[in-house]
PDB file of N, CA and C in Angstrom:
ATOM      1  N   UNK A   1      -3.774 -11.692 -10.866  1.00  0.00           N
ATOM      2  CA  UNK A   1      -3.567 -12.518 -12.080  1.00  0.00           C
ATOM      3  C   UNK A   1      -4.764 -13.443 -12.296  1.00  0.00           C
ATOM      4  N   UNK A   2      -5.064 -13.835 -13.505  1.00  0.00           N
ATOM      5  CA  UNK A   2      -6.291 -14.581 -13.768  1.00  0.00           C
ATOM      6  C   UNK A   2      -6.167 -16.058 -13.331  1.00  0.00           C
ATOM      7  N   UNK A   3      -4.883 -16.586 -13.024  1.00  0.00           N
ATOM      8  CA  UNK A   3      -4.767 -17.956 -12.593  1.00  0.00           C
ATOM      9  C   UNK A   3      -4.850 -18.974 -13.708  1.00  0.00           C
ATOM     10  N   UNK A   4      -5.045 -18.548 -14.908  1.00  0.00           N
ATOM     11  CA  UNK A   4      -5.065 -19.313 -16.060  1.00  0.00           C
ATOM     12  C   UNK A   4      -3.611 -19.781 -16.540  1.00  0.00           C
ATOM     13  N   UNK A   5      -3.690 -20.947 -17.130  1.00  0.00           N
ATOM     14  CA  UNK A   5      -2.428 -21.530 -17.632  1.00  0.00           C
ATOM     15  C   UNK A   5      -2.691 -21.806 -19.151  1.00  0.00           C
ATOM     16  N   UNK A   6      -1.726 -21.476 -19.989  1.00  0.00           N
ATOM     17  CA  UNK A   6      -1.632 -21.652 -21.425  1.00  0.00           C
ATOM     18  C   UNK A   6      -1.003 -22.997 -21.632  1.00  0.00           C
ATOM     19  N   UNK A   7      -1.599 -24.049 -22.237  1.00  0.00           N
ATOM     20  CA  UNK A   7      -0.960 -25.332 -22.285  1.00  0.00           C
ATOM     21  C   UNK A   7      -0.559 -25.885 -23.691  1.00  0.00           C
ATOM     22  N   UNK A   8      -0.954 -25.161 -24.741  1.00  0.00           N
ATOM     23  CA  UNK A   8      -0.699 -25.503 -26.124  1.00  0.00           C
ATOM     24  C   UNK A   8       0.858 -25.408 -26.281  1.00  0.00           C
ATOM     25  N   UNK A   9       1.403 -26.331 -27.095  1.00  0.00           N
ATOM     26  CA  UNK A   9       2.716 -26.351 -27.463  1.00  0.00           C
ATOM     27  C   UNK A   9       3.002 -25.783 -28.855  1.00  0.00           C
ATOM     28  N   UNK A  10       3.953 -24.760 -28.973  1.00  0.00           N
ATOM     29  CA  UNK A  10       4.102 -24.092 -30.192  1.00  0.00           C
ATOM     30  C   UNK A  10       4.998 -24.913 -31.119  1.00  0.00           C
ATOM     31  N   UNK A  11       4.609 -24.718 -32.432  1.00  0.00           N
ATOM     32  CA  UNK A  11       5.461 -25.380 -33.558  1.00  0.00           C
ATOM     33  C   UNK A  11       6.683 -24.723 -33.709  1.00  0.00           C
ATOM     34  N   UNK A  12       6.701 -23.447 -33.530  1.00  0.00           N
ATOM     35  CA  UNK A  12       7.862 -22.454 -33.642  1.00  0.00           C
ATOM     36  C   UNK A  12       7.912 -21.561 -32.581  1.00  0.00           C
ATOM     37  N   UNK A  13       9.169 -21.239 -31.954  1.00  0.00           N
ATOM     38  CA  UNK A  13       9.184 -20.293 -30.817  1.00  0.00           C
ATOM     39  C   UNK A  13      10.433 -19.550 -30.940  1.00  0.00           C
ATOM     40  N   UNK A  14      10.481 -18.284 -31.112  1.00  0.00           N
ATOM     41  CA  UNK A  14      11.602 -17.290 -31.081  1.00  0.00           C
ATOM     42  C   UNK A  14      11.540 -16.535 -29.868  1.00  0.00           C
ATOM     43  N   UNK A  15      12.743 -16.639 -29.066  1.00  0.00           N
ATOM     44  CA  UNK A  15      12.830 -15.879 -27.809  1.00  0.00           C
ATOM     45  C   UNK A  15      13.755 -14.493 -28.244  1.00  0.00           C
ATOM     46  N   UNK A  16      13.326 -13.390 -27.665  1.00  0.00           N
ATOM     47  CA  UNK A  16      14.207 -12.198 -27.793  1.00  0.00           C
ATOM     48  C   UNK A  16      14.228 -11.575 -26.399  1.00  0.00           C
ATOM     49  N   UNK A  17      15.277 -10.850 -26.185  1.00  0.00           N
ATOM     50  CA  UNK A  17      15.351 -10.157 -24.920  1.00  0.00           C
ATOM     51  C   UNK A  17      15.799  -8.771 -25.061  1.00  0.00           C
ATOM     52  N   UNK A  18      15.134  -7.674 -24.662  1.00  0.00           N
ATOM     53  CA  UNK A  18      15.643  -6.250 -24.847  1.00  0.00           C
ATOM     54  C   UNK A  18      15.736  -5.753 -23.292  1.00  0.00           C
ATOM     55  N   UNK A  19      16.905  -5.782 -22.733  1.00  0.00           N
ATOM     56  CA  UNK A  19      17.077  -5.308 -21.434  1.00  0.00           C
ATOM     57  C   UNK A  19      16.652  -3.826 -21.230  1.00  0.00           C
ATOM     58  N   UNK A  20      15.996  -3.628 -20.162  1.00  0.00           N
ATOM     59  CA  UNK A  20      15.518  -2.277 -19.763  1.00  0.00           C
ATOM     60  C   UNK A  20      16.696  -1.549 -18.895  1.00  0.00           C
ATOM     61  N   UNK A  21      17.268  -0.556 -19.461  1.00  0.00           N
ATOM     62  CA  UNK A  21      18.401   0.044 -18.759  1.00  0.00           C
ATOM     63  C   UNK A  21      18.170   1.588 -18.642  1.00  0.00           C
ATOM     64  N   UNK A  22      18.761   2.131 -17.638  1.00  0.00           N
ATOM     65  CA  UNK A  22      18.769   3.640 -17.608  1.00  0.00           C
ATOM     66  C   UNK A  22      20.116   4.035 -18.238  1.00  0.00           C
ATOM     67  N   UNK A  23      20.037   5.042 -19.001  1.00  0.00           N
ATOM     68  CA  UNK A  23      21.306   5.496 -19.813  1.00  0.00           C
ATOM     69  C   UNK A  23      21.455   7.055 -19.590  1.00  0.00           C
ATOM     70  N   UNK A  24      22.555   7.468 -19.320  1.00  0.00           N
ATOM     71  CA  UNK A  24      22.851   8.948 -19.266  1.00  0.00           C
ATOM     72  C   UNK A  24      24.088   9.175 -20.221  1.00  0.00           C
ATOM     73  N   UNK A  25      23.850  10.026 -21.120  1.00  0.00           N
ATOM     74  CA  UNK A  25      24.846  10.322 -22.071  1.00  0.00           C
ATOM     75  C   UNK A  25      25.443  11.681 -21.815  1.00  0.00           C
ATOM     76  N   UNK A  26      26.728  11.911 -21.872  1.00  0.00           N
ATOM     77  CA  UNK A  26      27.278  13.163 -21.618  1.00  0.00           C
ATOM     78  C   UNK A  26      27.949  13.839 -22.799  1.00  0.00           C
ATOM     79  N   UNK A  27      28.110  15.098 -22.879  1.00  0.00           N
ATOM     80  CA  UNK A  27      28.665  15.851 -24.011  1.00  0.00           C
ATOM     81  C   UNK A  27      29.930  15.396 -24.503  1.00  0.00           C
ATOM     82  N   UNK A  28      30.846  14.726 -23.718  1.00  0.00           N
ATOM     83  CA  UNK A  28      32.194  14.368 -24.099  1.00  0.00           C
ATOM     84  C   UNK A  28      32.036  12.906 -24.703  1.00  0.00           C
ATOM     85  N   UNK A  29      30.903  12.388 -24.903  1.00  0.00           N
ATOM     86  CA  UNK A  29      30.819  10.927 -25.476  1.00  0.00           C
ATOM     87  C   UNK A  29      30.788   9.873 -24.393  1.00  0.00           C
ATOM     88  N   UNK A  30      30.945  10.307 -23.084  1.00  0.00           N
ATOM     89  CA  UNK A  30      30.886   9.401 -22.100  1.00  0.00           C
ATOM     90  C   UNK A  30      29.467   9.002 -21.887  1.00  0.00           C
ATOM     91  N   UNK A  31      29.243   7.696 -21.499  1.00  0.00           N
ATOM     92  CA  UNK A  31      27.861   7.234 -21.361  1.00  0.00           C
ATOM     93  C   UNK A  31      27.910   6.225 -19.993  1.00  0.00           C
ATOM     94  N   UNK A  32      26.837   6.486 -19.272  1.00  0.00           N
ATOM     95  CA  UNK A  32      26.709   5.666 -18.066  1.00  0.00           C
ATOM     96  C   UNK A  32      25.404   4.919 -18.074  1.00  0.00           C
ATOM     97  N   UNK A  33      25.594   3.632 -17.865  1.00  0.00           N
ATOM     98  CA  UNK A  33      24.344   2.773 -17.913  1.00  0.00           C
ATOM     99  C   UNK A  33      24.060   1.823 -16.614  1.00  0.00           C
ATOM    100  N   UNK A  34      22.849   1.538 -16.308  1.00  0.00           N
ATOM    101  CA  UNK A  34      22.491   0.894 -15.183  1.00  0.00           C
ATOM    102  C   UNK A  34      21.259   0.072 -15.442  1.00  0.00           C
ATOM    103  N   UNK A  35      21.021  -1.068 -14.818  1.00  0.00           N
ATOM    104  CA  UNK A  35      19.840  -1.879 -15.115  1.00  0.00           C
ATOM    105  C   UNK A  35      18.611  -1.038 -14.515  1.00  0.00           C
ATOM    106  N   UNK A  36      17.499  -1.195 -15.119  1.00  0.00           N
ATOM    107  CA  UNK A  36      16.272  -0.657 -14.563  1.00  0.00           C
ATOM    108  C   UNK A  36      15.565  -1.507 -13.744  1.00  0.00           C
ATOM    109  N   UNK A  37      15.920  -1.789 -12.584  1.00  0.00           N
ATOM    110  CA  UNK A  37      15.299  -2.615 -11.569  1.00  0.00           C
ATOM    111  C   UNK A  37      15.890  -4.011 -11.557  1.00  0.00           C
ATOM    112  N   UNK A  38      15.333  -4.923 -10.833  1.00  0.00           N
ATOM    113  CA  UNK A  38      15.919  -6.211 -10.602  1.00  0.00           C
ATOM    114  C   UNK A  38      15.490  -7.270 -11.821  1.00  0.00           C
ATOM    115  N   UNK A  39      14.292  -6.900 -12.432  1.00  0.00           N
ATOM    116  CA  UNK A  39      13.943  -7.793 -13.562  1.00  0.00           C
ATOM    117  C   UNK A  39      14.007  -7.030 -14.768  1.00  0.00           C
ATOM    118  N   UNK A  40      15.182  -6.743 -15.150  1.00  0.00           N
ATOM    119  CA  UNK A  40      15.384  -5.842 -16.253  1.00  0.00           C
ATOM    120  C   UNK A  40      15.498  -6.607 -17.546  1.00  0.00           C
ATOM    121  N   UNK A  41      15.453  -7.873 -17.606  1.00  0.00           N
ATOM    122  CA  UNK A  41      15.722  -8.700 -18.854  1.00  0.00           C
ATOM    123  C   UNK A  41      14.440  -9.531 -19.279  1.00  0.00           C
ATOM    124  N   UNK A  42      13.289  -8.880 -19.431  1.00  0.00           N
ATOM    125  CA  UNK A  42      12.145  -9.901 -19.667  1.00  0.00           C
ATOM    126  C   UNK A  42      12.271 -10.503 -20.995  1.00  0.00           C
ATOM    127  N   UNK A  43      11.745 -11.675 -21.056  1.00  0.00           N
ATOM    128  CA  UNK A  43      11.708 -12.443 -22.326  1.00  0.00           C
ATOM    129  C   UNK A  43      10.471 -12.041 -23.210  1.00  0.00           C
ATOM    130  N   UNK A  44      10.658 -12.094 -24.474  1.00  0.00           N
ATOM    131  CA  UNK A  44       9.599 -11.833 -25.350  1.00  0.00           C
ATOM    132  C   UNK A  44       9.681 -13.057 -26.368  1.00  0.00           C
ATOM    133  N   UNK A  45       8.424 -13.777 -26.473  1.00  0.00           N
ATOM    134  CA  UNK A  45       8.358 -15.057 -27.389  1.00  0.00           C
ATOM    135  C   UNK A  45       7.432 -14.718 -28.580  1.00  0.00           C
ATOM    136  N   UNK A  46       8.028 -14.969 -29.809  1.00  0.00           N
ATOM    137  CA  UNK A  46       7.099 -14.818 -30.937  1.00  0.00           C
ATOM    138  C   UNK A  46       6.754 -16.393 -31.156  1.00  0.00           C
ATOM    139  N   UNK A  47       5.510 -16.883 -31.092  1.00  0.00           N
ATOM    140  CA  UNK A  47       5.172 -18.218 -31.117  1.00  0.00           C
ATOM    141  C   UNK A  47       4.214 -18.383 -32.516  1.00  0.00           C
ATOM    142  N   UNK A  48       4.333 -19.645 -32.965  1.00  0.00           N
ATOM    143  CA  UNK A  48       3.448 -20.085 -33.970  1.00  0.00           C
ATOM    144  C   UNK A  48       2.913 -21.456 -33.662  1.00  0.00           C
ATOM    145  N   UNK A  49       1.796 -21.713 -33.823  1.00  0.00           N
ATOM    146  CA  UNK A  49       1.021 -22.845 -33.656  1.00  0.00           C
ATOM    147  C   UNK A  49       0.567 -23.364 -35.111  1.00  0.00           C
ATOM    148  N   UNK A  50       1.279 -24.144 -35.829  1.00  0.00           N
ATOM    149  CA  UNK A  50       1.048 -24.460 -37.151  1.00  0.00           C
ATOM    150  C   UNK A  50       0.183 -25.708 -37.408  1.00  0.00           C
ATOM    151  N   UNK A  51      -0.603 -25.702 -38.449  1.00  0.00           N
ATOM    152  CA  UNK A  51      -1.296 -26.833 -38.986  1.00  0.00           C
ATOM    153  C   UNK A  51      -2.317 -27.316 -37.840  1.00  0.00           C
ATOM    154  N   UNK A  52      -2.886 -26.465 -37.227  1.00  0.00           N
ATOM    155  CA  UNK A  52      -3.921 -26.891 -36.201  1.00  0.00           C
ATOM    156  C   UNK A  52      -5.357 -27.067 -36.768  1.00  0.00           C
ATOM    157  N   UNK A  53      -5.952 -27.939 -36.291  1.00  0.00           N
ATOM    158  CA  UNK A  53      -7.393 -28.054 -36.755  1.00  0.00           C
ATOM    159  C   UNK A  53      -8.161 -26.928 -36.348  1.00  0.00           C
ATOM    160  N   UNK A  54      -9.277 -26.594 -37.086  1.00  0.00           N
ATOM    161  CA  UNK A  54     -10.243 -25.492 -36.651  1.00  0.00           C
ATOM    162  C   UNK A  54     -10.455 -25.549 -35.185  1.00  0.00           C
ATOM    163  N   UNK A  55     -10.737 -26.578 -34.621  1.00  0.00           N
ATOM    164  CA  UNK A  55     -11.146 -26.672 -33.215  1.00  0.00           C
ATOM    165  C   UNK A  55      -9.948 -26.291 -32.314  1.00  0.00           C
ATOM    166  N   UNK A  56      -8.685 -26.704 -32.624  1.00  0.00           N
ATOM    167  CA  UNK A  56      -7.574 -26.464 -31.819  1.00  0.00           C
ATOM    168  C   UNK A  56      -7.318 -24.860 -31.972  1.00  0.00           C
ATOM    169  N   UNK A  57      -7.274 -24.444 -33.140  1.00  0.00           N
ATOM    170  CA  UNK A  57      -7.131 -23.004 -33.402  1.00  0.00           C
ATOM    171  C   UNK A  57      -8.089 -22.152 -32.655  1.00  0.00           C
ATOM    172  N   UNK A  58      -9.337 -22.517 -32.739  1.00  0.00           N
ATOM    173  CA  UNK A  58     -10.365 -21.813 -32.021  1.00  0.00           C
ATOM    174  C   UNK A  58     -10.211 -21.793 -30.550  1.00  0.00           C
ATOM    175  N   UNK A  59      -9.733 -22.960 -29.949  1.00  0.00           N
ATOM    176  CA  UNK A  59      -9.456 -22.999 -28.540  1.00  0.00           C
ATOM    177  C   UNK A  59      -8.473 -22.088 -28.095  1.00  0.00           C
ATOM    178  N   UNK A  60      -7.318 -22.017 -28.932  1.00  0.00           N
ATOM    179  CA  UNK A  60      -6.160 -21.119 -28.578  1.00  0.00           C
ATOM    180  C   UNK A  60      -6.644 -19.676 -28.713  1.00  0.00           C
ATOM    181  N   UNK A  61      -7.379 -19.329 -29.831  1.00  0.00           N
ATOM    182  CA  UNK A  61      -7.912 -17.996 -29.989  1.00  0.00           C
ATOM    183  C   UNK A  61      -8.848 -17.574 -28.907  1.00  0.00           C
ATOM    184  N   UNK A  62      -9.673 -18.446 -28.435  1.00  0.00           N
ATOM    185  CA  UNK A  62     -10.644 -18.239 -27.357  1.00  0.00           C
ATOM    186  C   UNK A  62      -9.905 -17.956 -26.076  1.00  0.00           C
ATOM    187  N   UNK A  63      -8.843 -18.766 -25.775  1.00  0.00           N
ATOM    188  CA  UNK A  63      -8.122 -18.482 -24.514  1.00  0.00           C
ATOM    189  C   UNK A  63      -7.517 -17.131 -24.689  1.00  0.00           C
ATOM    190  N   UNK A  64      -6.794 -16.821 -25.786  1.00  0.00           N
ATOM    191  CA  UNK A  64      -6.174 -15.428 -25.789  1.00  0.00           C
ATOM    192  C   UNK A  64      -7.154 -14.301 -25.776  1.00  0.00           C
ATOM    193  N   UNK A  65      -8.335 -14.465 -26.435  1.00  0.00           N
ATOM    194  CA  UNK A  65      -9.330 -13.564 -26.372  1.00  0.00           C
ATOM    195  C   UNK A  65      -9.928 -13.276 -24.969  1.00  0.00           C
ATOM    196  N   UNK A  66     -10.040 -14.393 -24.325  1.00  0.00           N
ATOM    197  CA  UNK A  66     -10.573 -14.340 -22.876  1.00  0.00           C
ATOM    198  C   UNK A  66      -9.663 -13.493 -21.950  1.00  0.00           C
ATOM    199  N   UNK A  67      -8.296 -13.512 -22.246  1.00  0.00           N
ATOM    200  CA  UNK A  67      -7.417 -12.695 -21.548  1.00  0.00           C
ATOM    201  C   UNK A  67      -7.521 -11.325 -21.800  1.00  0.00           C
ATOM    202  N   UNK A  68      -7.980 -10.939 -23.028  1.00  0.00           N
ATOM    203  CA  UNK A  68      -8.204  -9.680 -23.503  1.00  0.00           C
ATOM    204  C   UNK A  68      -7.085  -8.747 -23.717  1.00  0.00           C
ATOM    205  N   UNK A  69      -5.817  -9.361 -23.733  1.00  0.00           N
ATOM    206  CA  UNK A  69      -4.685  -8.498 -23.979  1.00  0.00           C
ATOM    207  C   UNK A  69      -4.136  -7.817 -22.749  1.00  0.00           C
ATOM    208  N   UNK A  70      -4.783  -7.940 -21.555  1.00  0.00           N
ATOM    209  CA  UNK A  70      -4.334  -7.295 -20.431  1.00  0.00           C
ATOM    210  C   UNK A  70      -4.126  -8.235 -19.194  1.00  0.00           C
ATOM    211  N   UNK A  71      -4.733  -9.513 -19.218  1.00  0.00           N
ATOM    212  CA  UNK A  71      -4.570 -10.356 -18.038  1.00  0.00           C
ATOM    213  C   UNK A  71      -3.407 -11.155 -18.275  1.00  0.00           C
ATOM    214  N   UNK A  72      -2.747 -11.427 -17.073  1.00  0.00           N
ATOM    215  CA  UNK A  72      -1.481 -12.245 -17.138  1.00  0.00           C
ATOM    216  C   UNK A  72      -1.974 -13.710 -16.872  1.00  0.00           C
ATOM    217  N   UNK A  73      -1.068 -14.554 -17.522  1.00  0.00           N
ATOM    218  CA  UNK A  73      -1.387 -16.021 -17.317  1.00  0.00           C
ATOM    219  C   UNK A  73       0.043 -16.759 -17.294  1.00  0.00           C
ATOM    220  N   UNK A  74      -0.005 -17.974 -17.010  1.00  0.00           N
ATOM    221  CA  UNK A  74       1.105 -18.806 -16.840  1.00  0.00           C
ATOM    222  C   UNK A  74       1.379 -19.585 -18.136  1.00  0.00           C
ATOM    223  N   UNK A  75       2.707 -19.740 -18.467  1.00  0.00           N
ATOM    224  CA  UNK A  75       3.061 -20.469 -19.701  1.00  0.00           C
ATOM    225  C   UNK A  75       4.527 -20.955 -19.375  1.00  0.00           C
ATOM    226  N   UNK A  76       4.726 -22.181 -19.954  1.00  0.00           N
ATOM    227  CA  UNK A  76       6.105 -22.721 -19.825  1.00  0.00           C
ATOM    228  C   UNK A  76       6.770 -22.668 -21.129  1.00  0.00           C
ATOM    229  N   UNK A  77       7.918 -22.026 -21.304  1.00  0.00           N
ATOM    230  CA  UNK A  77       8.490 -21.757 -22.603  1.00  0.00           C
ATOM    231  C   UNK A  77       9.260 -23.236 -22.943  1.00  0.00           C
ATOM    232  N   UNK A  78       9.609 -23.249 -24.172  1.00  0.00           N
ATOM    233  CA  UNK A  78      10.355 -24.494 -24.519  1.00  0.00           C
ATOM    234  C   UNK A  78      11.763 -24.502 -23.849  1.00  0.00           C
ATOM    235  N   UNK A  79      12.208 -23.347 -23.388  1.00  0.00           N
ATOM    236  CA  UNK A  79      13.570 -23.334 -22.784  1.00  0.00           C
ATOM    237  C   UNK A  79      13.563 -23.470 -21.240  1.00  0.00           C
ATOM    238  N   UNK A  80      12.438 -23.715 -20.717  1.00  0.00           N
ATOM    239  CA  UNK A  80      12.360 -23.557 -19.223  1.00  0.00           C
ATOM    240  C   UNK A  80      11.582 -24.854 -18.642  1.00  0.00           C
ATOM    241  N   UNK A  81      11.975 -25.219 -17.388  1.00  0.00           N
ATOM    242  CA  UNK A  81      11.245 -26.339 -16.804  1.00  0.00           C
ATOM    243  C   UNK A  81      10.047 -25.818 -15.910  1.00  0.00           C
ATOM    244  N   UNK A  82      10.007 -24.595 -15.634  1.00  0.00           N
ATOM    245  CA  UNK A  82       8.856 -24.019 -14.792  1.00  0.00           C
ATOM    246  C   UNK A  82       8.294 -22.939 -15.472  1.00  0.00           C
ATOM    247  N   UNK A  83       6.962 -22.684 -15.159  1.00  0.00           N
ATOM    248  CA  UNK A  83       6.227 -21.624 -15.922  1.00  0.00           C
ATOM    249  C   UNK A  83       6.690 -20.266 -15.614  1.00  0.00           C
ATOM    250  N   UNK A  84       6.509 -19.305 -16.486  1.00  0.00           N
ATOM    251  CA  UNK A  84       6.586 -17.894 -16.205  1.00  0.00           C
ATOM    252  C   UNK A  84       5.347 -17.164 -16.425  1.00  0.00           C
ATOM    253  N   UNK A  85       5.197 -15.970 -15.940  1.00  0.00           N
ATOM    254  CA  UNK A  85       4.043 -15.177 -16.093  1.00  0.00           C
ATOM    255  C   UNK A  85       4.157 -14.296 -17.274  1.00  0.00           C
ATOM    256  N   UNK A  86       3.260 -14.373 -18.153  1.00  0.00           N
ATOM    257  CA  UNK A  86       3.278 -13.692 -19.445  1.00  0.00           C
ATOM    258  C   UNK A  86       1.935 -12.794 -19.692  1.00  0.00           C
ATOM    259  N   UNK A  87       2.049 -11.988 -20.634  1.00  0.00           N
ATOM    260  CA  UNK A  87       0.857 -11.231 -21.062  1.00  0.00           C
ATOM    261  C   UNK A  87       0.886 -11.391 -22.607  1.00  0.00           C
ATOM    262  N   UNK A  88      -0.324 -11.404 -23.307  1.00  0.00           N
ATOM    263  CA  UNK A  88      -0.275 -11.600 -24.772  1.00  0.00           C
ATOM    264  C   UNK A  88      -1.226 -10.392 -25.280  1.00  0.00           C
ATOM    265  N   UNK A  89      -0.531  -9.400 -25.867  1.00  0.00           N
ATOM    266  CA  UNK A  89      -1.214  -8.185 -26.348  1.00  0.00           C
ATOM    267  C   UNK A  89      -1.433  -8.304 -27.942  1.00  0.00           C
ATOM    268  N   UNK A  90      -0.945  -9.291 -28.505  1.00  0.00           N
ATOM    269  CA  UNK A  90      -1.100  -9.369 -29.964  1.00  0.00           C
ATOM    270  C   UNK A  90      -1.103 -10.872 -30.399  1.00  0.00           C
ATOM    271  N   UNK A  91      -2.156 -11.240 -31.234  1.00  0.00           N
ATOM    272  CA  UNK A  91      -2.212 -12.544 -31.818  1.00  0.00           C
ATOM    273  C   UNK A  91      -2.942 -12.447 -33.124  1.00  0.00           C
ATOM    274  N   UNK A  92      -2.734 -13.373 -34.038  1.00  0.00           N
ATOM    275  CA  UNK A  92      -3.386 -13.402 -35.243  1.00  0.00           C
ATOM    276  C   UNK A  92      -3.522 -14.926 -35.735  1.00  0.00           C
ATOM    277  N   UNK A  93      -4.324 -15.184 -36.773  1.00  0.00           N
ATOM    278  CA  UNK A  93      -4.449 -16.445 -37.286  1.00  0.00           C
ATOM    279  C   UNK A  93      -4.540 -16.392 -38.920  1.00  0.00           C
ATOM    280  N   UNK A  94      -4.004 -17.419 -39.514  1.00  0.00           N
ATOM    281  CA  UNK A  94      -4.063 -17.490 -40.953  1.00  0.00           C
ATOM    282  C   UNK A  94      -4.605 -18.839 -41.405  1.00  0.00           C
ATOM    283  N   UNK A  95      -5.580 -18.939 -42.343  1.00  0.00           N
ATOM    284  CA  UNK A  95      -6.150 -20.076 -42.885  1.00  0.00           C
ATOM    285  C   UNK A  95      -5.700 -20.498 -44.230  1.00  0.00           C
ATOM    286  N   UNK A  96      -5.269 -21.701 -44.398  1.00  0.00           N
ATOM    287  CA  UNK A  96      -4.959 -22.095 -45.858  1.00  0.00           C
ATOM    288  C   UNK A  96      -6.009 -23.020 -46.351  1.00  0.00           C
ATOM    289  N   UNK A  97      -5.998 -23.291 -47.549  1.00  0.00           N
ATOM    290  CA  UNK A  97      -6.984 -24.200 -48.087  1.00  0.00           C
ATOM    291  C   UNK A  97      -6.903 -25.538 -47.481  1.00  0.00           C
ATOM    292  N   UNK A  98      -8.097 -26.094 -47.135  1.00  0.00           N
ATOM    293  CA  UNK A  98      -8.107 -27.346 -46.336  1.00  0.00           C
ATOM    294  C   UNK A  98      -8.260 -27.130 -44.958  1.00  0.00           C
ATOM    295  N   UNK A  99      -8.635 -25.924 -44.431  1.00  0.00           N
ATOM    296  CA  UNK A  99      -8.786 -25.708 -43.063  1.00  0.00           C
ATOM    297  C   UNK A  99      -7.398 -25.847 -42.257  1.00  0.00           C
ATOM    298  N   UNK A 100      -6.451 -25.635 -42.847  1.00  0.00           N
ATOM    299  CA  UNK A 100      -5.137 -25.665 -42.063  1.00  0.00           C
ATOM    300  C   UNK A 100      -4.867 -24.252 -41.556  1.00  0.00           C
ATOM    301  N   UNK A 101      -4.741 -24.147 -40.233  1.00  0.00           N
ATOM    302  CA  UNK A 101      -4.811 -22.919 -39.604  1.00  0.00           C
ATOM    303  C   UNK A 101      -3.396 -22.773 -38.830  1.00  0.00           C
ATOM    304  N   UNK A 102      -2.810 -21.536 -38.926  1.00  0.00           N
ATOM    305  CA  UNK A 102      -1.707 -21.211 -38.066  1.00  0.00           C
ATOM    306  C   UNK A 102      -2.087 -20.028 -37.147  1.00  0.00           C
ATOM    307  N   UNK A 103      -1.837 -20.189 -35.924  1.00  0.00           N
ATOM    308  CA  UNK A 103      -2.082 -19.026 -34.984  1.00  0.00           C
ATOM    309  C   UNK A 103      -0.724 -18.577 -34.670  1.00  0.00           C
ATOM    310  N   UNK A 104      -0.578 -17.274 -34.661  1.00  0.00           N
ATOM    311  CA  UNK A 104       0.661 -16.592 -34.138  1.00  0.00           C
ATOM    312  C   UNK A 104       0.383 -15.725 -32.967  1.00  0.00           C
ATOM    313  N   UNK A 105       1.241 -15.743 -31.998  1.00  0.00           N
ATOM    314  CA  UNK A 105       1.098 -14.852 -30.764  1.00  0.00           C
ATOM    315  C   UNK A 105       2.437 -14.432 -30.203  1.00  0.00           C
ATOM    316  N   UNK A 106       2.365 -13.244 -29.592  1.00  0.00           N
ATOM    317  CA  UNK A 106       3.589 -12.751 -28.862  1.00  0.00           C
ATOM    318  C   UNK A 106       3.334 -12.700 -27.371  1.00  0.00           C
ATOM    319  N   UNK A 107       4.164 -13.411 -26.681  1.00  0.00           N
ATOM    320  CA  UNK A 107       4.114 -13.469 -25.199  1.00  0.00           C
ATOM    321  C   UNK A 107       5.222 -12.632 -24.533  1.00  0.00           C
ATOM    322  N   UNK A 108       4.841 -11.775 -23.697  1.00  0.00           N
ATOM    323  CA  UNK A 108       5.771 -11.012 -23.079  1.00  0.00           C
ATOM    324  C   UNK A 108       5.863 -11.261 -21.593  1.00  0.00           C
ATOM    325  N   UNK A 109       7.076 -11.647 -21.081  1.00  0.00           N
ATOM    326  CA  UNK A 109       7.231 -11.877 -19.652  1.00  0.00           C
ATOM    327  C   UNK A 109       6.965 -10.740 -18.762  1.00  0.00           C
ATOM    328  N   UNK A 110       6.214 -10.917 -17.685  1.00  0.00           N
ATOM    329  CA  UNK A 110       5.779  -9.779 -16.747  1.00  0.00           C
ATOM    330  C   UNK A 110       6.280 -10.255 -15.347  1.00  0.00           C
ATOM    331  N   UNK A 111       6.331  -9.174 -14.580  1.00  0.00           N
ATOM    332  CA  UNK A 111       6.852  -9.464 -13.141  1.00  0.00           C
ATOM    333  C   UNK A 111       5.795  -8.758 -12.305  1.00  0.00           C
ATOM    334  N   UNK A 112       5.732  -9.222 -10.929  1.00  0.00           N
ATOM    335  CA  UNK A 112       4.873  -8.669 -10.087  1.00  0.00           C
ATOM    336  C   UNK A 112       3.398  -9.069 -10.118  1.00  0.00           C
ATOM    337  N   UNK A 113       2.549  -8.261  -9.472  1.00  0.00           N
ATOM    338  CA  UNK A 113       1.179  -8.546  -9.478  1.00  0.00           C
ATOM    339  C   UNK A 113       0.363  -7.936 -10.507  1.00  0.00           C
TER     340      UNK A 113
END
């Protein structure tokens, strides 16, 4: 892991969870399910950093760009007291008149090394 920590606070944060499960369906309509490992409920966070100055937005974008969409980093969600390990494979920014910038990013919780 890169050892980096993302410290900016999001204006909006939406958490979703899509459990990873093994599923076997049988011809008679019967279905059997089981969790796919011990960490089968990773969190996915859609974040927005609204009304940032160009300097703030550039710093956020530089951090995410330095991770390259493949390096893990630490981040503390608004719902947790301690950091989790995440990866960001997708981010974007929008500029409004007056240099008001919104940065959007999706953080996916990861496990292991």
